PDB file of N, CA and C in Angstrom:
ATOM      1  N   MET A   1     -14.927  -8.555 -15.549  1.00  0.00           N
ATOM      2  CA  MET A   1     -15.457  -9.570 -14.691  1.00  0.00           C
ATOM      3  C   MET A   1     -16.934  -9.344 -14.361  1.00  0.00           C
ATOM      4  N   GLU A   2     -17.380  -8.127 -14.497  1.00  0.00           N
ATOM      5  CA  GLU A   2     -18.777  -7.853 -14.164  1.00  0.00           C
ATOM      6  C   GLU A   2     -19.742  -8.384 -15.213  1.00  0.00           C
ATOM      7  N   PHE A   3     -19.246  -8.810 -16.372  1.00  0.00           N
ATOM      8  CA  PHE A   3     -20.126  -9.284 -17.435  1.00  0.00           C
ATOM      9  C   PHE A   3     -20.199 -10.805 -17.506  1.00  0.00           C
ATOM     10  N   THR A   4     -19.578 -11.517 -16.579  1.00  0.00           N
ATOM     11  CA  THR A   4     -19.672 -12.967 -16.526  1.00  0.00           C
ATOM     12  C   THR A   4     -20.902 -13.357 -15.715  1.00  0.00           C
ATOM     13  N   ASP A   5     -21.238 -14.640 -15.717  1.00  0.00           N
ATOM     14  CA  ASP A   5     -22.383 -15.098 -14.939  1.00  0.00           C
ATOM     15  C   ASP A   5     -21.941 -16.232 -14.032  1.00  0.00           C
ATOM     16  N   PRO A   6     -21.813 -16.044 -12.733  1.00  0.00           N
ATOM     17  CA  PRO A   6     -22.109 -14.826 -11.989  1.00  0.00           C
ATOM     18  C   PRO A   6     -20.990 -13.805 -12.162  1.00  0.00           C
ATOM     19  N   PRO A   7     -21.277 -12.534 -11.928  1.00  0.00           N
ATOM     20  CA  PRO A   7     -20.214 -11.521 -11.970  1.00  0.00           C
ATOM     21  C   PRO A   7     -19.122 -11.881 -10.955  1.00  0.00           C
ATOM     22  N   LEU A   8     -17.868 -11.902 -11.420  1.00  0.00           N
ATOM     23  CA  LEU A   8     -16.757 -12.348 -10.585  1.00  0.00           C
ATOM     24  C   LEU A   8     -16.165 -11.221  -9.756  1.00  0.00           C
ATOM     25  N   THR A   9     -15.815 -11.553  -8.527  1.00  0.00           N
ATOM     26  CA  THR A   9     -15.087 -10.629  -7.659  1.00  0.00           C
ATOM     27  C   THR A   9     -13.685 -10.461  -8.238  1.00  0.00           C
ATOM     28  N   GLY A  10     -13.152  -9.267  -8.175  1.00  0.00           N
ATOM     29  CA  GLY A  10     -11.828  -9.028  -8.737  1.00  0.00           C
ATOM     30  C   GLY A  10     -11.126  -7.860  -8.076  1.00  0.00           C
ATOM     31  N   LEU A  11      -9.953  -7.534  -8.620  1.00  0.00           N
ATOM     32  CA  LEU A  11      -9.163  -6.407  -8.127  1.00  0.00           C
ATOM     33  C   LEU A  11      -9.095  -5.332  -9.196  1.00  0.00           C
ATOM     34  N   ARG A  12      -9.288  -4.104  -8.789  1.00  0.00           N
ATOM     35  CA  ARG A  12      -9.114  -2.963  -9.688  1.00  0.00           C
ATOM     36  C   ARG A  12      -7.750  -2.367  -9.374  1.00  0.00           C
ATOM     37  N   GLN A  13      -6.960  -2.177 -10.427  1.00  0.00           N
ATOM     38  CA  GLN A  13      -5.616  -1.633 -10.242  1.00  0.00           C
ATOM     39  C   GLN A  13      -5.453  -0.374 -11.092  1.00  0.00           C
ATOM     40  N   ALA A  14      -4.600   0.505 -10.633  1.00  0.00           N
ATOM     41  CA  ALA A  14      -4.323   1.750 -11.359  1.00  0.00           C
ATOM     42  C   ALA A  14      -3.321   1.437 -12.472  1.00  0.00           C
ATOM     43  N   VAL A  15      -3.831   0.916 -13.589  1.00  0.00           N
ATOM     44  CA  VAL A  15      -2.973   0.476 -14.685  1.00  0.00           C
ATOM     45  C   VAL A  15      -2.118   1.620 -15.213  1.00  0.00           C
ATOM     46  N   ASP A  16      -2.672   2.817 -15.296  1.00  0.00           N
ATOM     47  CA  ASP A  16      -1.889   3.954 -15.788  1.00  0.00           C
ATOM     48  C   ASP A  16      -0.695   4.243 -14.881  1.00  0.00           C
ATOM     49  N   ARG A  17      -0.881   4.158 -13.567  1.00  0.00           N
ATOM     50  CA  ARG A  17       0.224   4.392 -12.625  1.00  0.00           C
ATOM     51  C   ARG A  17       1.243   3.266 -12.692  1.00  0.00           C
ATOM     52  N   LEU A  18       0.773   2.018 -12.824  1.00  0.00           N
ATOM     53  CA  LEU A  18       1.682   0.879 -12.952  1.00  0.00           C
ATOM     54  C   LEU A  18       2.537   1.010 -14.213  1.00  0.00           C
ATOM     55  N   ALA A  19       1.882   1.351 -15.317  1.00  0.00           N
ATOM     56  CA  ALA A  19       2.594   1.475 -16.590  1.00  0.00           C
ATOM     57  C   ALA A  19       3.604   2.621 -16.562  1.00  0.00           C
ATOM     58  N   SER A  20       3.217   3.768 -16.035  1.00  0.00           N
ATOM     59  CA  SER A  20       4.152   4.898 -16.022  1.00  0.00           C
ATOM     60  C   SER A  20       5.338   4.621 -15.107  1.00  0.00           C
ATOM     61  N   GLY A  21       5.118   3.916 -14.004  1.00  0.00           N
ATOM     62  CA  GLY A  21       6.231   3.539 -13.130  1.00  0.00           C
ATOM     63  C   GLY A  21       7.186   2.576 -13.812  1.00  0.00           C
ATOM     64  N   ALA A  22       6.635   1.615 -14.568  1.00  0.00           N
ATOM     65  CA  ALA A  22       7.475   0.660 -15.290  1.00  0.00           C
ATOM     66  C   ALA A  22       8.278   1.351 -16.388  1.00  0.00           C
ATOM     67  N   VAL A  23       7.634   2.258 -17.133  1.00  0.00           N
ATOM     68  CA  VAL A  23       8.323   2.980 -18.198  1.00  0.00           C
ATOM     69  C   VAL A  23       9.415   3.869 -17.622  1.00  0.00           C
ATOM     70  N   ARG A  24       9.109   4.558 -16.532  1.00  0.00           N
ATOM     71  CA  ARG A  24      10.108   5.429 -15.893  1.00  0.00           C
ATOM     72  C   ARG A  24      11.330   4.612 -15.455  1.00  0.00           C
ATOM     73  N   SER A  25      11.086   3.442 -14.881  1.00  0.00           N
ATOM     74  CA  SER A  25      12.175   2.572 -14.437  1.00  0.00           C
ATOM     75  C   SER A  25      12.998   2.074 -15.625  1.00  0.00           C
ATOM     76  N   LEU A  26      12.316   1.706 -16.712  1.00  0.00           N
ATOM     77  CA  LEU A  26      13.003   1.240 -17.912  1.00  0.00           C
ATOM     78  C   LEU A  26      13.875   2.337 -18.514  1.00  0.00           C
ATOM     79  N   ILE A  27      13.351   3.555 -18.584  1.00  0.00           N
ATOM     80  CA  ILE A  27      14.119   4.679 -19.129  1.00  0.00           C
ATOM     81  C   ILE A  27      15.356   4.942 -18.269  1.00  0.00           C
ATOM     82  N   GLU A  28      15.209   4.887 -16.959  1.00  0.00           N
ATOM     83  CA  GLU A  28      16.362   5.075 -16.071  1.00  0.00           C
ATOM     84  C   GLU A  28      17.412   3.999 -16.327  1.00  0.00           C
ATOM     85  N   ASP A  29      16.983   2.762 -16.550  1.00  0.00           N
ATOM     86  CA  ASP A  29      17.931   1.679 -16.847  1.00  0.00           C
ATOM     87  C   ASP A  29      18.645   1.932 -18.168  1.00  0.00           C
ATOM     88  N   ILE A  30      17.897   2.325 -19.193  1.00  0.00           N
ATOM     89  CA  ILE A  30      18.485   2.571 -20.515  1.00  0.00           C
ATOM     90  C   ILE A  30      19.486   3.711 -20.446  1.00  0.00           C
ATOM     91  N   GLU A  31      19.174   4.764 -19.697  1.00  0.00           N
ATOM     92  CA  GLU A  31      20.059   5.927 -19.582  1.00  0.00           C
ATOM     93  C   GLU A  31      21.224   5.678 -18.639  1.00  0.00           C
ATOM     94  N   GLY A  32      21.201   4.552 -17.941  1.00  0.00           N
ATOM     95  CA  GLY A  32      22.288   4.236 -17.015  1.00  0.00           C
ATOM     96  C   GLY A  32      22.200   4.998 -15.710  1.00  0.00           C
ATOM     97  N   SER A  33      21.047   5.538 -15.400  1.00  0.00           N
ATOM     98  CA  SER A  33      20.872   6.256 -14.140  1.00  0.00           C
ATOM     99  C   SER A  33      20.934   5.262 -12.987  1.00  0.00           C
ATOM    100  N   PRO A  34      21.553   5.676 -11.878  1.00  0.00           N
ATOM    101  CA  PRO A  34      21.578   4.772 -10.724  1.00  0.00           C
ATOM    102  C   PRO A  34      20.178   4.544 -10.177  1.00  0.00           C
ATOM    103  N   ARG A  35      19.911   3.329  -9.822  1.00  0.00           N
ATOM    104  CA  ARG A  35      18.599   3.010  -9.255  1.00  0.00           C
ATOM    105  C   ARG A  35      18.477   3.598  -7.857  1.00  0.00           C
ATOM    106  N   SER A  36      17.290   4.076  -7.570  1.00  0.00           N
ATOM    107  CA  SER A  36      17.066   4.661  -6.255  1.00  0.00           C
ATOM    108  C   SER A  36      16.847   3.577  -5.205  1.00  0.00           C
ATOM    109  N   GLY A  37      16.550   2.345  -5.649  1.00  0.00           N
ATOM    110  CA  GLY A  37      16.286   1.269  -4.707  1.00  0.00           C
ATOM    111  C   GLY A  37      14.903   1.350  -4.093  1.00  0.00           C
ATOM    112  N   THR A  38      14.103   2.251  -4.614  1.00  0.00           N
ATOM    113  CA  THR A  38      12.754   2.423  -4.093  1.00  0.00           C
ATOM    114  C   THR A  38      11.835   1.368  -4.676  1.00  0.00           C
ATOM    115  N   GLU A  39      11.046   0.759  -3.814  1.00  0.00           N
ATOM    116  CA  GLU A  39      10.060  -0.215  -4.248  1.00  0.00           C
ATOM    117  C   GLU A  39       8.760   0.523  -4.553  1.00  0.00           C
ATOM    118  N   LEU A  40       8.184   0.250  -5.702  1.00  0.00           N
ATOM    119  CA  LEU A  40       6.937   0.898  -6.082  1.00  0.00           C
ATOM    120  C   LEU A  40       5.776   0.030  -5.620  1.00  0.00           C
ATOM    121  N   LEU A  41       4.915   0.578  -4.799  1.00  0.00           N
ATOM    122  CA  LEU A  41       3.763  -0.148  -4.285  1.00  0.00           C
ATOM    123  C   LEU A  41       2.489   0.558  -4.712  1.00  0.00           C
ATOM    124  N   TYR A  42       1.523  -0.233  -5.153  1.00  0.00           N
ATOM    125  CA  TYR A  42       0.243   0.316  -5.577  1.00  0.00           C
ATOM    126  C   TYR A  42      -0.850  -0.426  -4.827  1.00  0.00           C
ATOM    127  N   GLN A  43      -1.825   0.281  -4.348  1.00  0.00           N
ATOM    128  CA  GLN A  43      -2.917  -0.291  -3.556  1.00  0.00           C
ATOM    129  C   GLN A  43      -4.076  -0.683  -4.474  1.00  0.00           C
ATOM    130  N   PRO A  44      -4.327  -1.975  -4.661  1.00  0.00           N
ATOM    131  CA  PRO A  44      -5.476  -2.371  -5.474  1.00  0.00           C
ATOM    132  C   PRO A  44      -6.775  -2.197  -4.686  1.00  0.00           C
ATOM    133  N   GLU A  45      -7.888  -2.191  -5.398  1.00  0.00           N
ATOM    134  CA  GLU A  45      -9.200  -2.069  -4.764  1.00  0.00           C
ATOM    135  C   GLU A  45      -9.973  -3.364  -5.000  1.00  0.00           C
ATOM    136  N   LEU A  46     -10.484  -3.979  -3.943  1.00  0.00           N
ATOM    137  CA  LEU A  46     -11.268  -5.201  -4.052  1.00  0.00           C
ATOM    138  C   LEU A  46     -12.685  -4.844  -4.491  1.00  0.00           C
ATOM    139  N   ILE A  47     -13.128  -5.442  -5.590  1.00  0.00           N
ATOM    140  CA  ILE A  47     -14.482  -5.229  -6.097  1.00  0.00           C
ATOM    141  C   ILE A  47     -15.258  -6.523  -5.853  1.00  0.00           C
ATOM    142  N   VAL A  48     -16.143  -6.507  -4.870  1.00  0.00           N
ATOM    143  CA  VAL A  48     -16.911  -7.696  -4.493  1.00  0.00           C
ATOM    144  C   VAL A  48     -18.157  -7.766  -5.363  1.00  0.00           C
ATOM    145  N   ARG A  49     -18.310  -8.920  -6.043  1.00  0.00           N
ATOM    146  CA  ARG A  49     -19.478  -9.136  -6.889  1.00  0.00           C
ATOM    147  C   ARG A  49     -20.148 -10.447  -6.472  1.00  0.00           C
ATOM    148  N   ALA A  50     -21.005 -10.974  -7.305  1.00  0.00           N
ATOM    149  CA  ALA A  50     -21.851 -12.119  -6.950  1.00  0.00           C
ATOM    150  C   ALA A  50     -21.093 -13.428  -6.746  1.00  0.00           C
ATOM    151  N   SER A  51     -19.830 -13.524  -7.151  1.00  0.00           N
ATOM    152  CA  SER A  51     -19.098 -14.778  -6.965  1.00  0.00           C
ATOM    153  C   SER A  51     -18.570 -14.926  -5.544  1.00  0.00           C
ATOM    154  N   THR A  52     -18.763 -13.916  -4.715  1.00  0.00           N
ATOM    155  CA  THR A  52     -18.312 -13.950  -3.329  1.00  0.00           C
ATOM    156  C   THR A  52     -19.534 -14.053  -2.425  1.00  0.00           C
ATOM    157  N   GLY A  53     -19.459 -14.968  -1.466  1.00  0.00           N
ATOM    158  CA  GLY A  53     -20.580 -15.145  -0.560  1.00  0.00           C
ATOM    159  C   GLY A  53     -20.102 -15.525   0.818  1.00  0.00           C
ATOM    160  N   PRO A  54     -21.025 -15.754   1.723  1.00  0.00           N
ATOM    161  CA  PRO A  54     -20.648 -16.136   3.083  1.00  0.00           C
ATOM    162  C   PRO A  54     -20.041 -17.542   3.097  1.00  0.00           C
ATOM    163  N   PRO A  55     -19.249 -17.866   4.114  1.00  0.00           N
ATOM    164  CA  PRO A  55     -18.675 -19.208   4.205  1.00  0.00           C
ATOM    165  C   PRO A  55     -19.782 -20.240   4.421  1.00  0.00           C
ATOM    166  N   PRO A  56     -19.506 -21.503   4.057  1.00  0.00           N
ATOM    167  CA  PRO A  56     -20.525 -22.529   4.262  1.00  0.00           C
ATOM    168  C   PRO A  56     -20.823 -22.713   5.738  1.00  0.00           C
ATOM    169  N   ALA A  57     -22.018 -23.214   6.039  1.00  0.00           N
ATOM    170  CA  ALA A  57     -22.402 -23.484   7.422  1.00  0.00           C
ATOM    171  C   ALA A  57     -21.442 -24.502   8.012  1.00  0.00           C
ATOM    172  N   SER A  58     -21.162 -24.397   9.306  1.00  0.00           N
ATOM    173  CA  SER A  58     -20.158 -25.258   9.942  1.00  0.00           C
ATOM    174  C   SER A  58     -20.504 -26.734   9.841  1.00  0.00           C
ATOM    175  N   GLY A  59     -21.779 -27.096   9.787  1.00  0.00           N
ATOM    176  CA  GLY A  59     -22.161 -28.493   9.711  1.00  0.00           C
ATOM    177  C   GLY A  59     -21.922 -29.123   8.350  1.00  0.00           C
ATOM    178  N   SER A  60     -21.826 -28.310   7.276  1.00  0.00           N
ATOM    179  CA  SER A  60     -21.674 -28.871   5.938  1.00  0.00           C
ATOM    180  C   SER A  60     -20.230 -28.989   5.503  1.00  0.00           C
ATOM    181  N   ARG A  61     -19.315 -28.530   6.289  1.00  0.00           N
ATOM    182  CA  ARG A  61     -17.907 -28.533   5.916  1.00  0.00           C
ATOM    183  C   ARG A  61     -17.319 -29.928   6.000  1.00  0.00           C
ATOM    184  N   GLY A  62     -16.755 -30.383   4.900  1.00  0.00           N
ATOM    185  CA  GLY A  62     -16.048 -31.637   4.896  1.00  0.00           C
ATOM    186  C   GLY A  62     -16.927 -32.872   5.034  1.00  0.00           C
ATOM    187  N   SER A  63     -18.226 -32.743   4.806  1.00  0.00           N
ATOM    188  CA  SER A  63     -19.087 -33.903   4.983  1.00  0.00           C
ATOM    189  C   SER A  63     -18.891 -34.854   3.808  1.00  0.00           C
ATOM    190  N   GLN A  64     -18.758 -36.121   4.112  1.00  0.00           N
ATOM    191  CA  GLN A  64     -18.589 -37.177   3.133  1.00  0.00           C
ATOM    192  C   GLN A  64     -19.731 -38.172   3.304  1.00  0.00           C
ATOM    193  N   PRO A  65     -20.252 -38.701   2.203  1.00  0.00           N
ATOM    194  CA  PRO A  65     -21.282 -39.729   2.349  1.00  0.00           C
ATOM    195  C   PRO A  65     -20.678 -40.991   2.952  1.00  0.00           C
ATOM    196  N   SER A  66     -21.389 -41.604   3.854  1.00  0.00           N
ATOM    197  CA  SER A  66     -20.878 -42.839   4.455  1.00  0.00           C
ATOM    198  C   SER A  66     -21.182 -43.996   3.529  1.00  0.00           C
ATOM    199  N   GLY A  67     -20.268 -44.982   3.495  1.00  0.00           N
ATOM    200  CA  GLY A  67     -20.576 -46.046   2.603  1.00  0.00           C
ATOM    201  C   GLY A  67     -19.553 -47.036   2.555  1.00  0.00           C
TER     202      GLY A  67
END
């Protein structure tokens, strides 16, 4: 996302941790191991780039041309 114009804001995720958790879960299913019932949670990181800016001024919100 950093190579687009403007660079886009995005989320960075620990793909290696996500993949290893998915593979571990799949192997447990294939082997017939009982599921632990544990939910796997991963904390993404927000990467703010040029596509993110301040909110519009309050006077410009929802303005329509009269006519």
